[in-house]
Amino acid sequence: MQNLPCFVAYAANLSAKHNYMKRILITITVTILATLLIVGTILEIQAQRAQLDADEHQEVYSEILEEERPLLIHLPRSYSSDPSRTYPVIYVLDAGSQDFRLAQIAGILATAKSMPEVIVVGIRNTDRNRDLTPPSIYQSEDREKKGEADSFLAFIHEELVPFVDQNYRTNGVRALAGHSRGGLFVGYALLAEPDFFDAHICFSPAYWRDDHQIIRDAKGLLAGRDSLGTYWYNSLGTAENDKMKGGYQAMKSEVQSLLSKSPVSFQMTPGAVHSDNSYYSAPEALSSWAEYEGW
C-alpha cells in the first residue's frame, strides 16, 4: 500500500504525457490539412488564371493616338488545329475585365452550337475618359474637356482592325462591345459610322451623361433613316440606379421612334446591377446576334 501513491502519481504523469502527445499529433494533423488546403486553393486560383488569360498579348503603335495600345487576344479552341478556318472578331473595350467574360461566354455558346467560334480582341485603356467619351460630351462633371472618341474610333477603324486582319485569320465579320462608358462609346461608334461593324453591343451604356447629350446626337444623326446596316443590342440591369435607367429609357424611346425597321434590341436584365449586367446579358447578346446573322 505504501507504493500506491507512487503508482497513482506515475499513472497521472503517464496520462498527462499521453494527452500532451495527443494534442501535439492533433495540432500537426490540423496544420498539415490546413497547409494542403491552402496549397490546393493557390493551385486552383493559378489554374483559373491560366485558363482565363489571353492567348496572346500584342501591342500596336497608333499614329493617330501617338501611343502604344496593348491588346489581349483570345483565340478559339480550333484556331491551331484547323489552319484553314477563318473567324468573326469581337472587339471589346476595357480589356482586362470585359474581354475575359465575353470570350468565356462566346466559347461556351460555340460549344453548344449556338454561334460560331470567334476571335475576341480586348483593347486595354490608357486614358479611358478621353477615349470613350464622344466629342459632344464632357469627359467629367467639371466640364473642362470634351471627349476624344472620334480619334479613338479612327484608331480602331484605320489601325487596329487592319492590324488584326493582317495578323489573324478573320472573315470580315466583326462586332464592337462595351460596358458603361464603353457602352456609350459603342453607341457613338454606331451613330458615327453605322456600317463599319456588323453588330454593336452596349452593356449598361451611360447614355445619361451630359444630360442625355448622346440622345440629342442620335436624333440628328438618325433623322431620315428608318434602318441601320448593323445589329444593335442594348441591355441594362433592373437593379441599376435611376440615372442609368433614365438615360437608357430616353434612348430607347428615341431610337424606337426613328428606327422602325432596324434590328435594335433594348433588354432589361432581371436583378442585375451595374457591375454584373454585362455578364448576365452577354449570352443573350451573342446568341441574338448569331440569330440576326443567320448562323
Protein backbone atom coordinates (compact mmCIF):
# COMPACT_ATOMS: atom_id res chain seq x y z
CA MET A 1 0.00 0.00 0.00
CA GLN A 2 2.98 2.28 0.54
CA ASN A 3 3.71 2.12 -3.21
CA LEU A 4 0.14 3.07 -4.12
CA PRO A 5 0.68 6.87 -4.08
CA CYS A 6 3.75 6.46 -6.24
CA PHE A 7 1.80 4.34 -8.71
CA VAL A 8 -1.03 6.85 -8.84
CA ALA A 9 1.43 9.66 -9.42
CA TYR A 10 3.16 7.66 -12.15
CA ALA A 11 -0.16 6.86 -13.82
CA ALA A 12 -1.23 10.50 -13.68
CA ASN A 13 2.08 11.60 -15.16
CA LEU A 14 1.79 8.99 -17.90
CA SER A 15 -1.76 10.13 -18.69
CA ALA A 16 -0.62 13.76 -18.86
CA LYS A 17 2.17 12.83 -21.24
CA HIS A 18 -0.29 10.83 -23.34
CA ASN A 19 -2.70 13.79 -23.55
CA TYR A 20 0.15 16.13 -24.40
CA MET A 21 1.35 13.86 -27.22
CA LYS A 22 -2.24 13.53 -28.41
CA ARG A 23 -2.58 17.32 -28.57
CA ILE A 24 0.69 17.56 -30.49
CA LEU A 25 -0.46 14.95 -33.02
CA ILE A 26 -3.80 16.73 -33.46
CA THR A 27 -2.02 20.07 -33.96
CA ILE A 28 0.35 18.54 -36.52
CA THR A 29 -2.55 16.89 -38.36
CA VAL A 30 -4.59 20.10 -38.46
CA THR A 31 -1.55 22.07 -39.64
CA ILE A 32 -0.88 19.57 -42.44
CA LEU A 33 -4.52 19.62 -43.56
CA ALA A 34 -4.66 23.43 -43.47
CA THR A 35 -1.41 23.63 -45.47
CA LEU A 36 -2.75 21.19 -48.07
CA LEU A 37 -5.97 23.22 -48.31
CA ILE A 38 -4.05 26.48 -48.78
CA VAL A 39 -1.73 24.93 -51.39
CA GLY A 40 -4.72 23.43 -53.21
CA THR A 41 -6.51 26.78 -53.22
CA ILE A 42 -3.43 28.55 -54.58
CA LEU A 43 -3.03 25.96 -57.34
CA GLU A 44 -6.74 26.25 -58.21
CA ILE A 45 -6.50 30.05 -58.43
CA GLN A 46 -3.41 29.77 -60.62
CA ALA A 47 -5.17 27.24 -62.86
CA GLN A 48 -8.20 29.52 -63.20
CA ARG A 49 -5.99 32.49 -64.03
CA ALA A 50 -4.13 30.45 -66.64
CA GLN A 51 -7.45 29.37 -68.14
CA LEU A 52 -8.74 32.94 -68.32
CA ASP A 53 -5.52 34.52 -69.51
CA ALA A 54 -5.40 35.81 -73.05
CA ASP A 55 -3.83 33.52 -75.65
CA GLU A 56 -1.66 36.33 -76.95
CA HIS A 57 -0.59 39.76 -75.74
CA GLN A 58 0.04 42.26 -78.53
CA GLU A 59 0.88 45.92 -78.86
CA VAL A 60 0.10 48.13 -81.80
CA TYR A 61 1.51 51.61 -82.16
CA SER A 62 -1.09 54.20 -83.10
CA GLU A 63 0.00 57.12 -85.24
CA ILE A 64 -3.41 58.66 -84.60
CA LEU A 65 -3.21 58.47 -80.81
CA GLU A 66 0.59 58.73 -80.71
CA GLU A 67 0.96 55.86 -78.24
CA GLU A 68 1.27 52.10 -77.90
CA ARG A 69 -2.03 50.32 -77.41
CA PRO A 70 -1.90 46.95 -75.61
CA LEU A 71 -4.22 44.20 -76.82
CA LEU A 72 -5.39 40.92 -75.30
CA ILE A 73 -6.15 38.31 -77.97
CA HIS A 74 -8.43 35.36 -77.17
CA LEU A 75 -8.32 32.68 -79.87
CA PRO A 76 -10.98 29.99 -80.42
CA ARG A 77 -10.22 26.39 -79.46
CA SER A 78 -9.94 25.23 -83.09
CA TYR A 79 -7.58 28.03 -84.15
CA SER A 80 -4.39 25.93 -84.02
CA SER A 81 -5.89 22.61 -85.09
CA ASP A 82 -7.73 23.93 -88.17
CA PRO A 83 -5.47 26.42 -90.01
CA SER A 84 -7.91 26.75 -92.90
CA ARG A 85 -10.71 28.26 -90.82
CA THR A 86 -11.45 31.96 -90.56
CA TYR A 87 -13.41 33.62 -87.77
CA PRO A 88 -15.57 36.62 -86.88
CA VAL A 89 -13.97 39.09 -84.45
CA ILE A 90 -15.47 40.77 -81.40
CA TYR A 91 -13.60 43.91 -80.33
CA VAL A 92 -14.14 44.51 -76.61
CA LEU A 93 -13.40 47.70 -74.70
CA ASP A 94 -11.96 47.71 -71.15
CA ALA A 95 -9.64 44.76 -71.73
CA GLY A 96 -8.58 43.02 -68.57
CA SER A 97 -12.15 42.56 -67.37
CA GLN A 98 -14.85 42.65 -70.04
CA ASP A 99 -12.93 40.67 -72.67
CA PHE A 100 -12.41 37.65 -70.39
CA ARG A 101 -16.13 37.41 -69.67
CA LEU A 102 -17.15 37.72 -73.29
CA ALA A 103 -14.51 35.27 -74.56
CA GLN A 104 -15.57 32.68 -72.00
CA ILE A 105 -19.28 33.02 -72.77
CA ALA A 106 -18.65 33.01 -76.54
CA GLY A 107 -16.66 29.79 -76.15
CA ILE A 108 -19.49 28.12 -74.24
CA LEU A 109 -22.08 29.20 -76.83
CA ALA A 110 -19.83 27.96 -79.65
CA THR A 111 -19.51 24.57 -77.95
CA ALA A 112 -23.31 24.46 -77.69
CA LYS A 113 -23.51 25.28 -81.43
CA SER A 114 -25.43 28.48 -80.68
CA MET A 115 -22.88 30.59 -82.55
CA PRO A 116 -19.61 30.07 -84.43
CA GLU A 117 -16.26 30.33 -82.71
CA VAL A 118 -14.92 33.86 -82.64
CA ILE A 119 -11.70 35.74 -82.02
CA VAL A 120 -12.04 38.20 -79.13
CA VAL A 121 -9.75 41.25 -79.14
CA GLY A 122 -9.60 43.16 -75.87
CA ILE A 123 -8.45 46.78 -76.11
CA ARG A 124 -6.68 47.99 -72.96
CA ASN A 125 -7.18 51.53 -71.68
CA THR A 126 -4.57 54.25 -71.47
CA ASP A 127 -6.94 57.20 -70.91
CA ARG A 128 -10.44 55.79 -70.56
CA ASN A 129 -12.36 59.03 -70.14
CA ARG A 130 -10.62 60.66 -73.08
CA ASP A 131 -11.07 57.74 -75.49
CA LEU A 132 -14.55 56.51 -74.61
CA THR A 133 -16.34 59.86 -74.31
CA PRO A 134 -17.95 61.21 -77.51
CA PRO A 135 -16.66 64.60 -78.71
CA SER A 136 -20.00 66.28 -77.95
CA ILE A 137 -19.84 65.22 -74.27
CA TYR A 138 -17.61 66.43 -71.43
CA GLN A 139 -15.26 63.82 -70.02
CA SER A 140 -16.24 64.56 -66.41
CA GLU A 141 -18.59 66.70 -64.37
CA ASP A 142 -16.02 69.50 -64.06
CA ARG A 143 -16.79 70.18 -67.75
CA GLU A 144 -13.21 71.13 -68.60
CA LYS A 145 -12.55 68.78 -71.53
CA LYS A 146 -14.76 67.11 -74.05
CA GLY A 147 -14.17 63.55 -75.15
CA GLU A 148 -11.95 62.42 -77.99
CA ALA A 149 -13.84 59.32 -79.03
CA ASP A 150 -13.58 60.41 -82.65
CA SER A 151 -9.80 59.90 -82.55
CA PHE A 152 -10.16 56.57 -80.74
CA LEU A 153 -12.73 55.40 -83.29
CA ALA A 154 -10.38 56.41 -86.11
CA PHE A 155 -7.63 54.33 -84.44
CA ILE A 156 -9.95 51.31 -84.33
CA HIS A 157 -11.06 51.68 -87.95
CA GLU A 158 -7.78 52.67 -89.59
CA GLU A 159 -5.13 50.95 -87.47
CA LEU A 160 -6.47 48.30 -85.12
CA VAL A 161 -8.80 46.37 -87.42
CA PRO A 162 -6.24 46.27 -90.28
CA PHE A 163 -3.61 45.02 -87.79
CA VAL A 164 -5.90 42.20 -86.59
CA ASP A 165 -6.94 41.29 -90.14
CA GLN A 166 -3.29 41.12 -91.20
CA ASN A 167 -2.11 39.00 -88.28
CA TYR A 168 -5.07 36.69 -87.64
CA ARG A 169 -7.44 34.60 -89.75
CA THR A 170 -10.52 36.82 -89.80
CA ASN A 171 -13.51 36.52 -92.13
CA GLY A 172 -14.59 40.17 -92.27
CA VAL A 173 -17.49 39.86 -89.81
CA ARG A 174 -16.90 41.98 -86.72
CA ALA A 175 -18.66 43.33 -83.65
CA LEU A 176 -17.87 46.04 -81.10
CA ALA A 177 -18.85 45.61 -77.44
CA GLY A 178 -18.52 47.86 -74.40
CA HIS A 179 -19.81 48.33 -70.86
CA SER A 180 -20.86 51.55 -69.10
CA ARG A 181 -18.81 54.39 -70.61
CA GLY A 182 -17.63 51.75 -73.07
CA GLY A 183 -21.28 51.15 -73.98
CA LEU A 184 -21.65 54.89 -74.53
CA PHE A 185 -18.70 54.74 -76.94
CA VAL A 186 -20.22 51.80 -78.82
CA GLY A 187 -23.44 53.80 -79.24
CA TYR A 188 -21.41 56.75 -80.52
CA ALA A 189 -19.50 54.49 -82.93
CA LEU A 190 -22.78 53.24 -84.35
CA LEU A 191 -24.13 56.74 -84.84
CA ALA A 192 -20.88 57.98 -86.39
CA GLU A 193 -20.27 55.09 -88.80
CA PRO A 194 -23.06 52.50 -88.62
CA ASP A 195 -21.77 50.37 -91.48
CA PHE A 196 -18.30 49.52 -90.17
CA PHE A 197 -19.28 46.88 -87.59
CA ASP A 198 -21.85 44.15 -88.16
CA ALA A 199 -23.00 44.37 -84.54
CA HIS A 200 -22.85 46.98 -81.79
CA ILE A 201 -23.29 45.60 -78.25
CA CYS A 202 -23.92 48.10 -75.44
CA PHE A 203 -23.96 46.77 -71.88
CA SER A 204 -25.28 49.27 -69.29
CA PRO A 205 -24.49 52.22 -71.61
CA ALA A 206 -24.00 55.58 -69.89
CA TYR A 207 -26.49 57.41 -72.11
CA TRP A 208 -27.28 59.77 -69.22
CA ARG A 209 -24.02 61.74 -69.45
CA ASP A 210 -24.23 65.47 -70.10
CA ASP A 211 -27.99 65.47 -69.65
CA HIS A 212 -28.56 62.82 -72.34
CA GLN A 213 -26.43 64.57 -74.99
CA ILE A 214 -25.87 61.33 -76.93
CA ILE A 215 -29.65 61.08 -77.41
CA ARG A 216 -29.79 64.55 -78.94
CA ASP A 217 -26.90 63.46 -81.19
CA ALA A 218 -28.84 60.36 -82.17
CA LYS A 219 -31.86 62.40 -83.11
CA GLY A 220 -29.80 64.45 -85.54
CA LEU A 221 -27.70 61.62 -86.95
CA LEU A 222 -30.55 59.17 -87.40
CA ALA A 223 -33.01 61.63 -88.91
CA GLY A 224 -34.21 60.41 -92.29
CA ARG A 225 -33.16 56.79 -91.68
CA ASP A 226 -35.57 54.07 -90.73
CA SER A 227 -32.98 51.28 -90.55
CA LEU A 228 -29.30 50.58 -89.93
CA GLY A 229 -27.00 48.08 -91.59
CA THR A 230 -25.98 46.62 -88.24
CA TYR A 231 -27.41 44.74 -85.27
CA TRP A 232 -27.70 46.99 -82.19
CA TYR A 233 -28.07 45.34 -78.79
CA ASN A 234 -28.60 47.25 -75.53
CA SER A 235 -29.06 45.89 -72.01
CA LEU A 236 -29.49 47.35 -68.54
CA GLY A 237 -29.90 45.71 -65.15
CA THR A 238 -33.20 46.19 -63.35
CA ALA A 239 -31.25 47.00 -60.15
CA GLU A 240 -29.17 49.80 -61.70
CA ASN A 241 -29.63 53.38 -60.49
CA ASP A 242 -32.26 55.82 -61.68
CA LYS A 243 -29.73 57.93 -63.57
CA MET A 244 -28.73 54.96 -65.72
CA LYS A 245 -32.35 53.95 -66.22
CA GLY A 246 -33.38 57.48 -67.23
CA GLY A 247 -30.78 57.74 -70.00
CA TYR A 248 -31.48 54.21 -71.17
CA GLN A 249 -35.24 54.67 -71.44
CA ALA A 250 -34.80 58.02 -73.18
CA MET A 251 -32.53 56.44 -75.81
CA LYS A 252 -34.92 53.52 -76.23
CA SER A 253 -37.85 55.85 -76.86
CA GLU A 254 -35.90 57.98 -79.34
CA VAL A 255 -34.49 55.05 -81.30
CA GLN A 256 -37.76 53.14 -81.47
CA SER A 257 -39.47 56.20 -82.88
CA LEU A 258 -36.78 56.70 -85.53
CA LEU A 259 -35.67 53.19 -86.50
CA SER A 260 -38.87 51.31 -87.01
CA LYS A 261 -37.33 48.83 -89.47
CA SER A 262 -33.92 48.28 -87.90
CA PRO A 263 -32.79 45.32 -85.76
CA VAL A 264 -32.46 47.11 -82.43
CA SER A 265 -32.83 45.38 -79.07
CA PHE A 266 -33.33 47.02 -75.65
CA GLN A 267 -33.39 44.42 -72.88
CA MET A 268 -33.68 44.65 -69.09
CA THR A 269 -31.73 42.03 -67.14
CA PRO A 270 -33.70 40.89 -64.06
CA GLY A 271 -31.86 41.55 -60.78
CA ALA A 272 -28.63 42.70 -62.44
CA VAL A 273 -26.61 45.60 -61.06
CA HIS A 274 -24.22 47.81 -62.98
CA SER A 275 -21.16 45.64 -62.30
CA ASP A 276 -22.65 42.31 -63.39
CA ASN A 277 -25.17 43.20 -66.10
CA SER A 278 -22.66 42.56 -68.90
CA TYR A 279 -22.03 39.05 -67.54
CA TYR A 280 -25.69 38.08 -67.27
CA SER A 281 -26.82 39.63 -70.53
CA ALA A 282 -23.86 38.57 -72.72
CA PRO A 283 -25.34 35.15 -73.63
CA GLU A 284 -28.48 36.80 -74.99
CA ALA A 285 -26.47 39.50 -76.77
CA LEU A 286 -24.28 36.96 -78.56
CA SER A 287 -26.99 34.43 -79.35
CA SER A 288 -29.35 37.11 -80.69
CA TRP A 289 -26.53 38.47 -82.85
CA ALA A 290 -25.94 34.93 -84.16
CA GLU A 291 -29.65 34.66 -84.98
CA TYR A 292 -29.50 38.00 -86.80
CA GLU A 293 -26.53 36.78 -88.86
CA GLY A 294 -28.30 33.50 -89.62
CA TRP A 295 -25.54 31.34 -88.15
